[in-house]
Amino acid sequence: MEQSKLGKRINEVRKARGLTADKLSELCNINATYLRQIEGGAKMPSLPVFIDICNALHVSPDYLLQDELEKNEVSKIQAIETLWENVPLQKQEVALTMIRAVLEHTEQ
């Protein structure tokens, strides 16, 4: 796994949230130098630190890892979610009814 992709995504989200490296490191209870090493790709965060970063940035782990993960069920769910968010509520109800009908039909 290339550490630079994860670090770059953390850096991008941090900046988009208007947080300085010092502020994010404070929220995560880590040293700012360590955070900069993570963002620069020199270090890989431990799982507890990674979870703290996700929580502090209000993003899901899969969002930060999306450049590292192979296409899988998460990718399919994200594609559906993107479609879903761009559809009016009335069409969402129709789509949900259709999905339920397909699932019920395949279970029989």
Protein backbone atom coordinates (compact mmCIF):
# COMPACT_ATOMS: atom_id res chain seq x y z
CA MET A 1 0.00 0.00 0.00
CA GLU A 2 1.36 3.39 -0.93
CA GLN A 3 1.25 5.59 2.10
CA SER A 4 1.28 8.76 0.02
CA LYS A 5 -2.25 8.19 -1.35
CA LEU A 6 -3.74 7.90 2.12
CA GLY A 7 -1.71 10.83 3.40
CA LYS A 8 -2.66 12.95 0.42
CA ARG A 9 -6.36 12.24 0.93
CA ILE A 10 -6.11 13.09 4.65
CA ASN A 11 -4.34 16.33 3.72
CA GLU A 12 -7.01 17.23 1.15
CA VAL A 13 -9.88 16.58 3.54
CA ARG A 14 -8.17 18.43 6.38
CA LYS A 15 -7.71 21.51 4.20
CA ALA A 16 -11.27 21.26 2.83
CA ARG A 17 -12.51 21.27 6.44
CA GLY A 18 -10.44 24.38 7.15
CA LEU A 19 -8.26 22.66 9.72
CA THR A 20 -4.59 23.26 10.24
CA ALA A 21 -2.27 20.32 10.85
CA ASP A 22 -1.87 21.57 14.41
CA LYS A 23 -5.63 21.61 15.00
CA LEU A 24 -6.21 18.15 13.51
CA SER A 25 -3.33 16.68 15.47
CA GLU A 26 -4.80 18.22 18.63
CA LEU A 27 -8.22 16.69 17.86
CA CYS A 28 -6.54 13.30 17.35
CA ASN A 29 -4.26 13.56 20.39
CA ILE A 30 -1.14 13.10 18.29
CA ASN A 31 1.95 15.17 17.64
CA ALA A 32 1.64 17.61 14.70
CA THR A 33 4.95 16.33 13.33
CA TYR A 34 3.54 12.80 13.27
CA LEU A 35 0.46 14.03 11.38
CA ARG A 36 2.65 15.79 8.83
CA GLN A 37 4.62 12.55 8.38
CA ILE A 38 1.36 10.68 7.77
CA GLU A 39 0.20 13.28 5.27
CA GLY A 40 3.57 13.24 3.56
CA GLY A 41 3.58 9.47 3.27
CA ALA A 42 6.55 8.86 5.53
CA LYS A 43 4.44 7.18 8.24
CA MET A 44 1.36 4.97 8.30
CA PRO A 45 -1.08 5.70 11.14
CA SER A 46 -1.95 2.97 13.60
CA LEU A 47 -5.56 1.81 13.53
CA PRO A 48 -6.57 3.84 16.62
CA VAL A 49 -4.97 6.97 15.14
CA PHE A 50 -6.63 6.31 11.77
CA ILE A 51 -10.01 6.03 13.50
CA ASP A 52 -9.35 9.28 15.37
CA ILE A 53 -8.48 10.99 12.08
CA CYS A 54 -11.69 9.71 10.46
CA ASN A 55 -13.75 10.92 13.41
CA ALA A 56 -12.06 14.31 13.55
CA LEU A 57 -12.51 14.85 9.81
CA HIS A 58 -16.06 13.42 9.86
CA VAL A 59 -15.33 11.01 7.01
CA SER A 60 -15.65 7.28 6.67
CA PRO A 61 -12.56 5.08 6.57
CA ASP A 62 -13.47 3.87 3.09
CA TYR A 63 -13.47 7.47 1.86
CA LEU A 64 -9.90 7.96 3.00
CA LEU A 65 -8.88 4.53 1.70
CA GLN A 66 -10.72 4.65 -1.61
CA ASP A 67 -7.53 5.07 -3.63
CA GLU A 68 -6.08 2.01 -1.92
CA LEU A 69 -9.04 -0.37 -2.10
CA GLU A 70 -9.82 -2.62 -5.01
CA LYS A 71 -13.24 -2.32 -6.56
CA ASN A 72 -15.56 -4.28 -4.29
CA GLU A 73 -18.96 -4.18 -2.63
CA VAL A 74 -18.13 -0.81 -1.10
CA SER A 75 -17.57 0.59 -4.58
CA LYS A 76 -20.96 -0.69 -5.70
CA ILE A 77 -22.65 0.78 -2.65
CA GLN A 78 -20.97 4.13 -3.24
CA ALA A 79 -22.12 4.12 -6.88
CA ILE A 80 -25.70 3.45 -5.75
CA GLU A 81 -25.43 6.15 -3.10
CA THR A 82 -24.24 8.69 -5.66
CA LEU A 83 -27.15 7.85 -7.95
CA TRP A 84 -29.56 7.95 -5.01
CA GLU A 85 -28.45 11.41 -3.84
CA ASN A 86 -29.11 12.91 -7.27
CA VAL A 87 -32.66 11.60 -7.63
CA PRO A 88 -35.81 13.44 -6.49
CA LEU A 89 -37.65 11.96 -3.51
CA GLN A 90 -40.57 10.71 -5.62
CA LYS A 91 -38.21 8.74 -7.89
CA GLN A 92 -36.41 7.36 -4.82
CA GLU A 93 -39.72 5.89 -3.65
CA VAL A 94 -40.29 4.27 -7.06
CA ALA A 95 -36.74 2.87 -7.09
CA LEU A 96 -37.13 1.52 -3.56
CA THR A 97 -40.39 -0.20 -4.51
CA MET A 98 -38.69 -1.75 -7.56
CA ILE A 99 -35.72 -2.97 -5.51
CA ARG A 100 -38.01 -4.55 -2.93
CA ALA A 101 -40.01 -6.28 -5.67
CA VAL A 102 -36.84 -7.70 -7.25
CA LEU A 103 -35.52 -8.94 -3.92
CA GLU A 104 -38.84 -10.54 -3.00
CA HIS A 105 -39.08 -12.19 -6.40
CA THR A 106 -35.58 -13.67 -6.19
CA GLU A 107 -36.22 -15.05 -2.69
CA GLN A 108 -39.18 -17.16 -3.85
